[in-house]
Amino acid sequence: MAKKTSTKSETDPLRISPEFAEIELNKIESNPWQPRKTAPTDEEIADLMSSIKAVGQTSPIRVRPTPAKEGRFQVGDGSMRIQAMRALGLKTIRALIEPLSDKQMKILAIAANIFVKLRDSDK
């Protein structure tokens, strides 16, 4: 279950700002519009794991509630952080929960990968 720091309800139709929460990793699904179709290399994940071990999770991932699946989330930004934290055996991750549309999820997935060197097969 996500531990929220906001007092507003997830079902509040007027909620438009993000909520900060600690989410169980097993409640997070991938982004259907993820442009990176090839898995990160072992080296990329190992580097991220080393960073998380050294300083912890420095930025939250961004998720939206999964449409038609209560209590589950789709990741918009943070897939590699999720993978690294799972590999470290952690159970939860800090996240911003936002009411993102499909279009916003597509844009976020592309924008989040601008600085990641996408392989030719991902382009």
Protein backbone atom coordinates (compact mmCIF):
# COMPACT_ATOMS: atom_id res chain seq x y z
CA MET A 1 0.00 0.00 0.00
CA ALA A 2 1.25 3.49 -0.81
CA LYS A 3 1.99 5.68 2.19
CA LYS A 4 0.95 9.18 1.19
CA THR A 5 2.14 12.43 2.67
CA SER A 6 -0.87 14.33 1.32
CA THR A 7 -4.21 14.46 3.11
CA LYS A 8 -6.23 14.65 -0.13
CA SER A 9 -7.93 11.53 -1.38
CA GLU A 10 -6.76 9.78 -4.55
CA THR A 11 -10.38 9.84 -5.69
CA ASP A 12 -10.73 13.62 -5.23
CA PRO A 13 -11.78 14.79 -8.74
CA LEU A 14 -10.31 18.25 -8.09
CA ARG A 15 -6.84 16.90 -7.25
CA ILE A 16 -4.47 18.02 -9.98
CA SER A 17 -1.20 18.35 -8.11
CA PRO A 18 1.14 15.42 -7.50
CA GLU A 19 1.11 13.46 -4.26
CA PHE A 20 4.36 12.24 -2.74
CA ALA A 21 4.17 8.61 -1.59
CA GLU A 22 6.20 5.55 -0.68
CA ILE A 23 4.93 2.83 -3.05
CA GLU A 24 5.48 -0.91 -2.93
CA LEU A 25 7.57 -1.94 -5.94
CA ASN A 26 5.26 -4.88 -6.66
CA LYS A 27 2.39 -2.43 -7.29
CA ILE A 28 4.17 -0.71 -10.20
CA GLU A 29 3.65 -1.63 -13.86
CA SER A 30 5.72 -0.53 -16.84
CA ASN A 31 4.85 2.37 -19.12
CA PRO A 32 3.16 1.04 -22.28
CA TRP A 33 4.86 3.86 -24.25
CA GLN A 34 8.40 3.21 -23.00
CA PRO A 35 10.65 4.00 -26.00
CA ARG A 36 13.52 1.91 -24.63
CA LYS A 37 12.69 -1.57 -25.91
CA THR A 38 16.07 -3.10 -25.03
CA ALA A 39 16.82 -3.81 -21.39
CA PRO A 40 19.44 -1.68 -19.62
CA THR A 41 22.82 -3.37 -19.51
CA ASP A 42 24.05 -5.06 -16.35
CA GLU A 43 26.66 -2.30 -16.11
CA GLU A 44 24.01 0.46 -16.25
CA ILE A 45 21.99 -1.20 -13.49
CA ALA A 46 25.12 -1.89 -11.40
CA ASP A 47 26.13 1.78 -11.65
CA LEU A 48 22.67 2.89 -10.54
CA MET A 49 22.68 0.33 -7.71
CA SER A 50 26.05 1.67 -6.52
CA SER A 51 24.67 5.20 -6.52
CA ILE A 52 21.56 4.18 -4.58
CA LYS A 53 23.70 2.30 -2.05
CA ALA A 54 25.95 5.33 -1.61
CA VAL A 55 23.40 8.14 -1.32
CA GLY A 56 19.95 6.55 -1.44
CA GLN A 57 17.16 7.40 -3.83
CA THR A 58 17.85 11.04 -4.72
CA SER A 59 14.75 11.70 -6.80
CA PRO A 60 11.29 10.18 -6.79
CA ILE A 61 9.92 8.27 -9.74
CA ARG A 62 6.76 9.58 -11.43
CA VAL A 63 3.70 7.36 -11.71
CA ARG A 64 0.01 7.53 -12.43
CA PRO A 65 -2.73 5.31 -11.04
CA THR A 66 -3.19 2.42 -13.48
CA PRO A 67 -6.50 2.87 -15.30
CA ALA A 68 -9.05 0.23 -14.24
CA LYS A 69 -6.67 -1.39 -11.69
CA GLU A 70 -7.17 0.11 -8.27
CA GLY A 71 -4.10 0.23 -6.06
CA ARG A 72 -1.65 -0.20 -8.96
CA PHE A 73 0.50 2.35 -10.77
CA GLN A 74 2.14 2.83 -14.17
CA VAL A 75 5.61 4.35 -14.23
CA GLY A 76 6.10 7.46 -16.36
CA ASP A 77 9.69 8.12 -15.34
CA GLY A 78 11.97 5.86 -13.30
CA SER A 79 12.02 2.40 -14.84
CA MET A 80 15.75 1.93 -14.29
CA ARG A 81 15.49 3.14 -10.67
CA ILE A 82 12.74 0.58 -10.10
CA GLN A 83 14.87 -2.18 -11.61
CA ALA A 84 17.92 -1.20 -9.52
CA MET A 85 15.94 -1.00 -6.29
CA ARG A 86 14.37 -4.41 -6.94
CA ALA A 87 17.85 -5.83 -7.57
CA LEU A 88 18.93 -4.36 -4.22
CA GLY A 89 16.08 -6.24 -2.54
CA LEU A 90 14.20 -3.10 -1.53
CA LYS A 91 10.44 -3.30 -1.22
CA THR A 92 9.35 0.33 -1.67
CA ILE A 93 10.27 3.41 -3.69
CA ARG A 94 9.49 7.12 -3.29
CA ALA A 95 7.19 8.41 -6.01
CA LEU A 96 5.13 11.32 -7.19
CA ILE A 97 1.63 10.13 -8.06
CA GLU A 98 0.13 12.30 -10.79
CA PRO A 99 -3.14 12.13 -12.77
CA LEU A 100 -1.35 11.81 -16.12
CA SER A 101 -3.23 11.30 -19.40
CA ASP A 102 -2.08 8.76 -22.00
CA LYS A 103 -0.62 11.63 -24.05
CA GLN A 104 1.28 12.94 -21.02
CA MET A 105 2.61 9.41 -20.32
CA LYS A 106 3.89 9.17 -23.91
CA ILE A 107 5.60 12.56 -23.71
CA LEU A 108 7.07 11.81 -20.28
CA ALA A 109 8.48 8.48 -21.45
CA ILE A 110 10.24 10.15 -24.36
CA ALA A 111 11.44 13.15 -22.32
CA ALA A 112 12.76 10.89 -19.54
CA ASN A 113 14.90 9.06 -22.08
CA ILE A 114 16.32 12.09 -23.93
CA PHE A 115 19.54 11.95 -21.89
CA VAL A 116 19.78 8.17 -21.92
CA LYS A 117 21.79 6.90 -24.85
CA LEU A 118 19.15 4.92 -26.70
CA ARG A 119 20.43 2.08 -28.83
CA ASP A 120 19.65 2.16 -32.54
CA SER A 121 17.08 -0.60 -32.01
CA ASP A 122 15.21 1.65 -29.55
CA LYS A 123 14.98 4.66 -31.89
